[in-house]
């Protein structure tokens, strides 16, 4: 396989090489030059997608409203909130 380095130092990793290395869009790669013209690319842990910070109320026809989005609430936070509820 071959790849071409473009004017800004960018290059495209061939599809076959990406599939074999399981490199996908959004992956973070560690670039290590090893001398003699060799560069080693190591796939690091895939970044986790950020969850939406904003929760919203979704009204479903014929059922009760449901809150979607936002961060997960721990059981301790839920117990504390329910303890304050009359």
PDB file of N, CA and C in Angstrom:
ATOM      1  N   UNK A   1       0.839  -1.183   0.000  1.00  0.00           N
ATOM      2  CA  UNK A   1       0.000   0.000   0.000  1.00  0.00           C
ATOM      3  C   UNK A   1       0.880   1.241   0.000  1.00  0.00           C
ATOM      4  N   UNK A   2       0.389   2.278  -0.623  1.00  0.00           N
ATOM      5  CA  UNK A   2       1.118   3.547  -0.632  1.00  0.00           C
ATOM      6  C   UNK A   2       0.159   4.676  -0.273  1.00  0.00           C
ATOM      7  N   UNK A   3       0.736   5.780   0.166  1.00  0.00           N
ATOM      8  CA  UNK A   3      -0.028   6.986   0.463  1.00  0.00           C
ATOM      9  C   UNK A   3       0.830   8.171   0.049  1.00  0.00           C
ATOM     10  N   UNK A   4       0.189   9.275  -0.275  1.00  0.00           N
ATOM     11  CA  UNK A   4       0.893  10.481  -0.705  1.00  0.00           C
ATOM     12  C   UNK A   4       0.764  11.551   0.359  1.00  0.00           C
ATOM     13  N   UNK A   5       1.853  12.243   0.652  1.00  0.00           N
ATOM     14  CA  UNK A   5       1.826  13.359   1.588  1.00  0.00           C
ATOM     15  C   UNK A   5       1.527  14.615   0.775  1.00  0.00           C
ATOM     16  N   UNK A   6       0.516  15.380   1.210  1.00  0.00           N
ATOM     17  CA  UNK A   6       0.090  16.567   0.479  1.00  0.00           C
ATOM     18  C   UNK A   6       0.805  17.809   0.991  1.00  0.00           C
ATOM     19  N   UNK A   7       0.481  18.964   0.379  1.00  0.00           N
ATOM     20  CA  UNK A   7       1.237  20.199   0.616  1.00  0.00           C
ATOM     21  C   UNK A   7       1.239  20.656   2.075  1.00  0.00           C
ATOM     22  N   UNK A   8       0.254  20.354   2.863  1.00  0.00           N
ATOM     23  CA  UNK A   8       0.211  20.801   4.252  1.00  0.00           C
ATOM     24  C   UNK A   8       0.674  19.703   5.213  1.00  0.00           C
ATOM     25  N   UNK A   9       1.323  18.674   4.676  1.00  0.00           N
ATOM     26  CA  UNK A   9       1.804  17.587   5.514  1.00  0.00           C
ATOM     27  C   UNK A   9       0.736  16.558   5.822  1.00  0.00           C
ATOM     28  N   UNK A  10      -0.413  16.663   5.166  1.00  0.00           N
ATOM     29  CA  UNK A  10      -1.498  15.723   5.414  1.00  0.00           C
ATOM     30  C   UNK A  10      -1.382  14.538   4.474  1.00  0.00           C
ATOM     31  N   UNK A  11      -1.896  13.401   4.917  1.00  0.00           N
ATOM     32  CA  UNK A  11      -1.938  12.225   4.060  1.00  0.00           C
ATOM     33  C   UNK A  11      -3.190  11.430   4.372  1.00  0.00           C
ATOM     34  N   UNK A  12      -3.567  10.574   3.452  1.00  0.00           N
ATOM     35  CA  UNK A  12      -4.731   9.719   3.627  1.00  0.00           C
ATOM     36  C   UNK A  12      -4.231   8.304   3.876  1.00  0.00           C
ATOM     37  N   UNK A  13      -4.702   7.696   4.969  1.00  0.00           N
ATOM     38  CA  UNK A  13      -4.355   6.309   5.260  1.00  0.00           C
ATOM     39  C   UNK A  13      -5.302   5.450   4.432  1.00  0.00           C
ATOM     40  N   UNK A  14      -4.788   4.534   3.632  1.00  0.00           N
ATOM     41  CA  UNK A  14      -5.655   3.710   2.781  1.00  0.00           C
ATOM     42  C   UNK A  14      -6.703   2.947   3.597  1.00  0.00           C
ATOM     43  N   UNK A  15      -7.869   2.751   2.979  1.00  0.00           N
ATOM     44  CA  UNK A  15      -8.998   2.099   3.644  1.00  0.00           C
ATOM     45  C   UNK A  15      -8.615   0.718   4.169  1.00  0.00           C
ATOM     46  N   UNK A  16      -7.913  -0.051   3.370  1.00  0.00           N
ATOM     47  CA  UNK A  16      -7.538  -1.404   3.778  1.00  0.00           C
ATOM     48  C   UNK A  16      -6.684  -1.380   5.050  1.00  0.00           C
ATOM     49  N   UNK A  17      -5.748  -0.442   5.129  1.00  0.00           N
ATOM     50  CA  UNK A  17      -4.897  -0.324   6.314  1.00  0.00           C
ATOM     51  C   UNK A  17      -5.712   0.118   7.527  1.00  0.00           C
ATOM     52  N   UNK A  18      -6.651   1.072   7.326  1.00  0.00           N
ATOM     53  CA  UNK A  18      -7.497   1.539   8.445  1.00  0.00           C
ATOM     54  C   UNK A  18      -8.365   0.414   8.963  1.00  0.00           C
ATOM     55  N   UNK A  19      -8.931  -0.388   8.062  1.00  0.00           N
ATOM     56  CA  UNK A  19      -9.785  -1.503   8.496  1.00  0.00           C
ATOM     57  C   UNK A  19      -8.986  -2.536   9.276  1.00  0.00           C
ATOM     58  N   UNK A  20      -7.789  -2.869   8.789  1.00  0.00           N
ATOM     59  CA  UNK A  20      -6.966  -3.857   9.482  1.00  0.00           C
ATOM     60  C   UNK A  20      -6.538  -3.355  10.860  1.00  0.00           C
ATOM     61  N   UNK A  21      -6.285  -2.049  10.984  1.00  0.00           N
ATOM     62  CA  UNK A  21      -5.863  -1.474  12.263  1.00  0.00           C
ATOM     63  C   UNK A  21      -7.052  -1.046  13.123  1.00  0.00           C
ATOM     64  N   UNK A  22      -8.264  -1.230  12.607  1.00  0.00           N
ATOM     65  CA  UNK A  22      -9.513  -0.816  13.294  1.00  0.00           C
ATOM     66  C   UNK A  22      -9.458   0.661  13.689  1.00  0.00           C
ATOM     67  N   UNK A  23      -9.034   1.489  12.746  1.00  0.00           N
ATOM     68  CA  UNK A  23      -9.001   2.939  12.949  1.00  0.00           C
ATOM     69  C   UNK A  23     -10.254   3.525  12.313  1.00  0.00           C
ATOM     70  N   UNK A  24     -11.011   4.289  13.105  1.00  0.00           N
ATOM     71  CA  UNK A  24     -12.263   4.869  12.635  1.00  0.00           C
ATOM     72  C   UNK A  24     -12.241   6.385  12.817  1.00  0.00           C
ATOM     73  N   UNK A  25     -13.222   7.036  12.221  1.00  0.00           N
ATOM     74  CA  UNK A  25     -13.336   8.483  12.346  1.00  0.00           C
ATOM     75  C   UNK A  25     -13.472   8.848  13.824  1.00  0.00           C
ATOM     76  N   UNK A  26     -12.701   9.835  14.252  1.00  0.00           N
ATOM     77  CA  UNK A  26     -12.752  10.289  15.642  1.00  0.00           C
ATOM     78  C   UNK A  26     -11.729   9.631  16.540  1.00  0.00           C
ATOM     79  N   UNK A  27     -11.053   8.576  16.062  1.00  0.00           N
ATOM     80  CA  UNK A  27     -10.021   7.927  16.869  1.00  0.00           C
ATOM     81  C   UNK A  27      -8.823   8.861  17.033  1.00  0.00           C
ATOM     82  N   UNK A  28      -8.147   8.731  18.156  1.00  0.00           N
ATOM     83  CA  UNK A  28      -6.940   9.514  18.413  1.00  0.00           C
ATOM     84  C   UNK A  28      -5.743   8.596  18.204  1.00  0.00           C
ATOM     85  N   UNK A  29      -4.770   9.061  17.408  1.00  0.00           N
ATOM     86  CA  UNK A  29      -3.590   8.265  17.098  1.00  0.00           C
ATOM     87  C   UNK A  29      -2.359   8.894  17.714  1.00  0.00           C
ATOM     88  N   UNK A  30      -1.483   8.061  18.236  1.00  0.00           N
ATOM     89  CA  UNK A  30      -0.185   8.500  18.713  1.00  0.00           C
ATOM     90  C   UNK A  30       0.796   8.326  17.561  1.00  0.00           C
ATOM     91  N   UNK A  31       1.536   9.378  17.212  1.00  0.00           N
ATOM     92  CA  UNK A  31       2.478   9.347  16.098  1.00  0.00           C
ATOM     93  C   UNK A  31       3.886   9.294  16.673  1.00  0.00           C
ATOM     94  N   UNK A  32       4.611   8.213  16.375  1.00  0.00           N
ATOM     95  CA  UNK A  32       5.965   8.039  16.898  1.00  0.00           C
ATOM     96  C   UNK A  32       6.948   7.848  15.742  1.00  0.00           C
ATOM     97  N   UNK A  33       7.804   8.858  15.469  1.00  0.00           N
ATOM     98  CA  UNK A  33       8.838   8.658  14.451  1.00  0.00           C
ATOM     99  C   UNK A  33       9.899   7.698  14.983  1.00  0.00           C
ATOM    100  N   UNK A  34      10.302   6.748  14.157  1.00  0.00           N
ATOM    101  CA  UNK A  34      11.295   5.764  14.587  1.00  0.00           C
ATOM    102  C   UNK A  34      12.602   5.902  13.821  1.00  0.00           C
ATOM    103  N   UNK A  35      12.783   6.978  13.079  1.00  0.00           N
ATOM    104  CA  UNK A  35      14.014   7.150  12.311  1.00  0.00           C
ATOM    105  C   UNK A  35      13.976   6.312  11.048  1.00  0.00           C
ATOM    106  N   UNK A  36      14.973   6.496  10.194  1.00  0.00           N
ATOM    107  CA  UNK A  36      15.052   5.769   8.925  1.00  0.00           C
ATOM    108  C   UNK A  36      13.792   5.952   8.080  1.00  0.00           C
ATOM    109  N   UNK A  37      13.073   7.053   8.269  1.00  0.00           N
ATOM    110  CA  UNK A  37      11.887   7.320   7.468  1.00  0.00           C
ATOM    111  C   UNK A  37      10.645   6.569   7.907  1.00  0.00           C
ATOM    112  N   UNK A  38      10.680   5.921   9.074  1.00  0.00           N
ATOM    113  CA  UNK A  38       9.518   5.167   9.550  1.00  0.00           C
ATOM    114  C   UNK A  38       8.750   5.968  10.589  1.00  0.00           C
ATOM    115  N   UNK A  39       7.426   5.884  10.509  1.00  0.00           N
ATOM    116  CA  UNK A  39       6.535   6.502  11.497  1.00  0.00           C
ATOM    117  C   UNK A  39       5.554   5.422  11.938  1.00  0.00           C
ATOM    118  N   UNK A  40       5.382   5.281  13.237  1.00  0.00           N
ATOM    119  CA  UNK A  40       4.449   4.296  13.780  1.00  0.00           C
ATOM    120  C   UNK A  40       3.224   5.042  14.294  1.00  0.00           C
ATOM    121  N   UNK A  41       2.045   4.583  13.893  1.00  0.00           N
ATOM    122  CA  UNK A  41       0.778   5.147  14.365  1.00  0.00           C
ATOM    123  C   UNK A  41       0.153   4.147  15.329  1.00  0.00           C
ATOM    124  N   UNK A  42      -0.159   4.596  16.544  1.00  0.00           N
ATOM    125  CA  UNK A  42      -0.800   3.739  17.544  1.00  0.00           C
ATOM    126  C   UNK A  42      -2.165   4.322  17.872  1.00  0.00           C
ATOM    127  N   UNK A  43      -3.195   3.481  17.740  1.00  0.00           N
ATOM    128  CA  UNK A  43      -4.552   3.936  18.065  1.00  0.00           C
ATOM    129  C   UNK A  43      -4.696   3.938  19.576  1.00  0.00           C
ATOM    130  N   UNK A  44      -5.048   5.086  20.128  1.00  0.00           N
ATOM    131  CA  UNK A  44      -5.274   5.210  21.559  1.00  0.00           C
ATOM    132  C   UNK A  44      -6.730   4.898  21.852  1.00  0.00           C
ATOM    133  N   UNK A  45      -7.097   4.975  23.103  1.00  0.00           N
ATOM    134  CA  UNK A  45      -8.478   4.710  23.485  1.00  0.00           C
ATOM    135  C   UNK A  45      -9.403   5.674  22.760  1.00  0.00           C
ATOM    136  N   UNK A  46     -10.471   5.147  22.247  1.00  0.00           N
ATOM    137  CA  UNK A  46     -11.447   5.958  21.510  1.00  0.00           C
ATOM    138  C   UNK A  46     -12.117   6.943  22.463  1.00  0.00           C
ATOM    139  N   UNK A  47     -12.171   8.234  22.091  1.00  0.00           N
ATOM    140  CA  UNK A  47     -12.816   9.198  22.976  1.00  0.00           C
ATOM    141  C   UNK A  47     -14.317   8.915  23.086  1.00  0.00           C
ATOM    142  N   UNK A  48     -14.821   9.091  24.283  1.00  0.00           N
ATOM    143  CA  UNK A  48     -16.242   8.853  24.509  1.00  0.00           C
ATOM    144  C   UNK A  48     -17.036  10.068  24.049  1.00  0.00           C
ATOM    145  N   UNK A  49     -18.165   9.843  23.375  1.00  0.00           N
ATOM    146  CA  UNK A  49     -18.964  10.983  22.937  1.00  0.00           C
ATOM    147  C   UNK A  49     -19.525  11.743  24.134  1.00  0.00           C
ATOM    148  N   UNK A  50     -19.534  13.061  24.027  1.00  0.00           N
ATOM    149  CA  UNK A  50     -20.059  13.871  25.118  1.00  0.00           C
ATOM    150  C   UNK A  50     -21.574  13.767  25.147  1.00  0.00           C
ATOM    151  N   UNK A  51     -22.101  13.644  26.366  1.00  0.00           N
ATOM    152  CA  UNK A  51     -23.543  13.625  26.515  1.00  0.00           C
ATOM    153  C   UNK A  51     -24.047  15.055  26.570  1.00  0.00           C
ATOM    154  N   UNK A  52     -25.231  15.224  26.099  1.00  0.00           N
ATOM    155  CA  UNK A  52     -25.840  16.541  26.125  1.00  0.00           C
ATOM    156  C   UNK A  52     -26.041  16.984  27.570  1.00  0.00           C
ATOM    157  N   UNK A  53     -25.611  18.196  27.890  1.00  0.00           N
ATOM    158  CA  UNK A  53     -25.773  18.729  29.249  1.00  0.00           C
ATOM    159  C   UNK A  53     -27.204  19.212  29.474  1.00  0.00           C
ATOM    160  N   UNK A  54     -27.903  19.464  28.379  1.00  0.00           N
ATOM    161  CA  UNK A  54     -29.244  20.014  28.507  1.00  0.00           C
ATOM    162  C   UNK A  54     -30.289  18.916  28.450  1.00  0.00           C
ATOM    163  N   UNK A  55     -31.087  18.847  29.464  1.00  0.00           N
ATOM    164  CA  UNK A  55     -32.191  17.894  29.488  1.00  0.00           C
ATOM    165  C   UNK A  55     -33.428  18.584  28.929  1.00  0.00           C
ATOM    166  N   UNK A  56     -34.303  17.803  28.331  1.00  0.00           N
ATOM    167  CA  UNK A  56     -35.539  18.397  27.829  1.00  0.00           C
ATOM    168  C   UNK A  56     -36.692  17.457  28.128  1.00  0.00           C
ATOM    169  N   UNK A  57     -37.863  18.009  28.180  1.00  0.00           N
ATOM    170  CA  UNK A  57     -39.063  17.251  28.490  1.00  0.00           C
ATOM    171  C   UNK A  57     -39.727  16.857  27.178  1.00  0.00           C
ATOM    172  N   UNK A  58     -39.914  15.556  26.982  1.00  0.00           N
ATOM    173  CA  UNK A  58     -40.511  15.041  25.765  1.00  0.00           C
ATOM    174  C   UNK A  58     -41.938  14.618  26.083  1.00  0.00           C
ATOM    175  N   UNK A  59     -42.898  15.241  25.413  1.00  0.00           N
ATOM    176  CA  UNK A  59     -44.312  14.908  25.622  1.00  0.00           C
ATOM    177  C   UNK A  59     -44.711  13.855  24.598  1.00  0.00           C
ATOM    178  N   UNK A  60     -45.098  12.680  25.093  1.00  0.00           N
ATOM    179  CA  UNK A  60     -45.539  11.611  24.207  1.00  0.00           C
ATOM    180  C   UNK A  60     -47.055  11.556  24.221  1.00  0.00           C
ATOM    181  N   UNK A  61     -47.620  11.323  23.061  1.00  0.00           N
ATOM    182  CA  UNK A  61     -49.076  11.270  22.964  1.00  0.00           C
ATOM    183  C   UNK A  61     -49.607  10.047  23.702  1.00  0.00           C
ATOM    184  N   UNK A  62     -50.510  10.279  24.644  1.00  0.00           N
ATOM    185  CA  UNK A  62     -51.151   9.181  25.367  1.00  0.00           C
ATOM    186  C   UNK A  62     -50.351   8.641  26.539  1.00  0.00           C
ATOM    187  N   UNK A  63     -49.161   9.196  26.813  1.00  0.00           N
ATOM    188  CA  UNK A  63     -48.386   8.729  27.964  1.00  0.00           C
ATOM    189  C   UNK A  63     -47.902   9.938  28.760  1.00  0.00           C
ATOM    190  N   UNK A  64     -47.201   9.674  29.813  1.00  0.00           N
ATOM    191  CA  UNK A  64     -46.674  10.746  30.648  1.00  0.00           C
ATOM    192  C   UNK A  64     -45.428  11.360  30.003  1.00  0.00           C
ATOM    193  N   UNK A  65     -45.100  12.611  30.343  1.00  0.00           N
ATOM    194  CA  UNK A  65     -43.882  13.239  29.806  1.00  0.00           C
ATOM    195  C   UNK A  65     -42.624  12.539  30.336  1.00  0.00           C
ATOM    196  N   UNK A  66     -41.568  12.538  29.532  1.00  0.00           N
ATOM    197  CA  UNK A  66     -40.315  11.885  29.883  1.00  0.00           C
ATOM    198  C   UNK A  66     -39.183  12.882  29.694  1.00  0.00           C
ATOM    199  N   UNK A  67     -38.218  12.890  30.637  1.00  0.00           N
ATOM    200  CA  UNK A  67     -37.040  13.747  30.509  1.00  0.00           C
ATOM    201  C   UNK A  67     -35.982  12.974  29.729  1.00  0.00           C
ATOM    202  N   UNK A  68     -35.452  13.589  28.659  1.00  0.00           N
ATOM    203  CA  UNK A  68     -34.403  12.959  27.863  1.00  0.00           C
ATOM    204  C   UNK A  68     -33.180  13.859  27.844  1.00  0.00           C
ATOM    205  N   UNK A  69     -32.004  13.261  27.688  1.00  0.00           N
ATOM    206  CA  UNK A  69     -30.763  14.024  27.670  1.00  0.00           C
ATOM    207  C   UNK A  69     -30.299  14.320  29.078  1.00  0.00           C
ATOM    208  N   UNK A  70     -29.305  15.159  29.174  1.00  0.00           N
ATOM    209  CA  UNK A  70     -28.763  15.526  30.480  1.00  0.00           C
ATOM    210  C   UNK A  70     -27.842  14.455  31.022  1.00  0.00           C
ATOM    211  N   UNK A  71     -27.284  14.699  32.176  1.00  0.00           N
ATOM    212  CA  UNK A  71     -26.341  13.763  32.762  1.00  0.00           C
ATOM    213  C   UNK A  71     -27.082  12.706  33.569  1.00  0.00           C
ATOM    214  N   UNK A  72     -26.410  11.604  33.838  1.00  0.00           N
ATOM    215  CA  UNK A  72     -26.984  10.528  34.639  1.00  0.00           C
ATOM    216  C   UNK A  72     -26.988  10.941  36.108  1.00  0.00           C
ATOM    217  N   UNK A  73     -28.034  10.557  36.802  1.00  0.00           N
ATOM    218  CA  UNK A  73     -28.167  10.887  38.223  1.00  0.00           C
ATOM    219  C   UNK A  73     -27.864   9.634  39.022  1.00  0.00           C
ATOM    220  N   UNK A  74     -27.007   9.761  40.034  1.00  0.00           N
ATOM    221  CA  UNK A  74     -26.649   8.606  40.858  1.00  0.00           C
ATOM    222  C   UNK A  74     -27.782   8.288  41.828  1.00  0.00           C
ATOM    223  N   UNK A  75     -27.734   7.094  42.379  1.00  0.00           N
ATOM    224  CA  UNK A  75     -28.769   6.685  43.330  1.00  0.00           C
ATOM    225  C   UNK A  75     -28.737   7.553  44.588  1.00  0.00           C
ATOM    226  N   UNK A  76     -27.526   7.979  44.992  1.00  0.00           N
ATOM    227  CA  UNK A  76     -27.409   8.844  46.170  1.00  0.00           C
ATOM    228  C   UNK A  76     -28.092  10.191  45.925  1.00  0.00           C
ATOM    229  N   UNK A  77     -27.869  10.753  44.738  1.00  0.00           N
ATOM    230  CA  UNK A  77     -28.507  12.036  44.412  1.00  0.00           C
ATOM    231  C   UNK A  77     -30.022  11.887  44.381  1.00  0.00           C
ATOM    232  N   UNK A  78     -30.503  10.779  43.863  1.00  0.00           N
ATOM    233  CA  UNK A  78     -31.941  10.522  43.798  1.00  0.00           C
ATOM    234  C   UNK A  78     -32.523  10.378  45.194  1.00  0.00           C
ATOM    235  N   UNK A  79     -31.833   9.644  46.089  1.00  0.00           N
ATOM    236  CA  UNK A  79     -32.311   9.480  47.460  1.00  0.00           C
ATOM    237  C   UNK A  79     -32.371  10.813  48.191  1.00  0.00           C
ATOM    238  N   UNK A  80     -31.332  11.641  48.003  1.00  0.00           N
ATOM    239  CA  UNK A  80     -31.310  12.952  48.658  1.00  0.00           C
ATOM    240  C   UNK A  80     -32.450  13.826  48.150  1.00  0.00           C
ATOM    241  N   UNK A  81     -32.706  13.794  46.834  1.00  0.00           N
ATOM    242  CA  UNK A  81     -33.789  14.608  46.276  1.00  0.00           C
ATOM    243  C   UNK A  81     -35.137  14.132  46.781  1.00  0.00           C
ATOM    244  N   UNK A  82     -35.331  12.811  46.883  1.00  0.00           N
ATOM    245  CA  UNK A  82     -36.602  12.278  47.365  1.00  0.00           C
ATOM    246  C   UNK A  82     -36.784  12.499  48.864  1.00  0.00           C
ATOM    247  N   UNK A  83     -35.690  12.576  49.604  1.00  0.00           N
ATOM    248  CA  UNK A  83     -35.789  12.822  51.052  1.00  0.00           C
ATOM    249  C   UNK A  83     -36.331  14.217  51.323  1.00  0.00           C
ATOM    250  N   UNK A  84     -36.027  15.162  50.480  1.00  0.00           N
ATOM    251  CA  UNK A  84     -36.504  16.540  50.642  1.00  0.00           C
ATOM    252  C   UNK A  84     -37.946  16.700  50.128  1.00  0.00           C
ATOM    253  N   UNK A  85     -38.458  15.725  49.416  1.00  0.00           N
ATOM    254  CA  UNK A  85     -39.794  15.825  48.823  1.00  0.00           C
ATOM    255  C   UNK A  85     -40.836  15.516  49.889  1.00  0.00           C
ATOM    256  N   UNK A  86     -41.847  16.384  50.010  1.00  0.00           N
ATOM    257  CA  UNK A  86     -42.851  16.146  51.072  1.00  0.00           C
ATOM    258  C   UNK A  86     -43.739  14.955  50.822  1.00  0.00           C
TER     259      UNK A  86
END
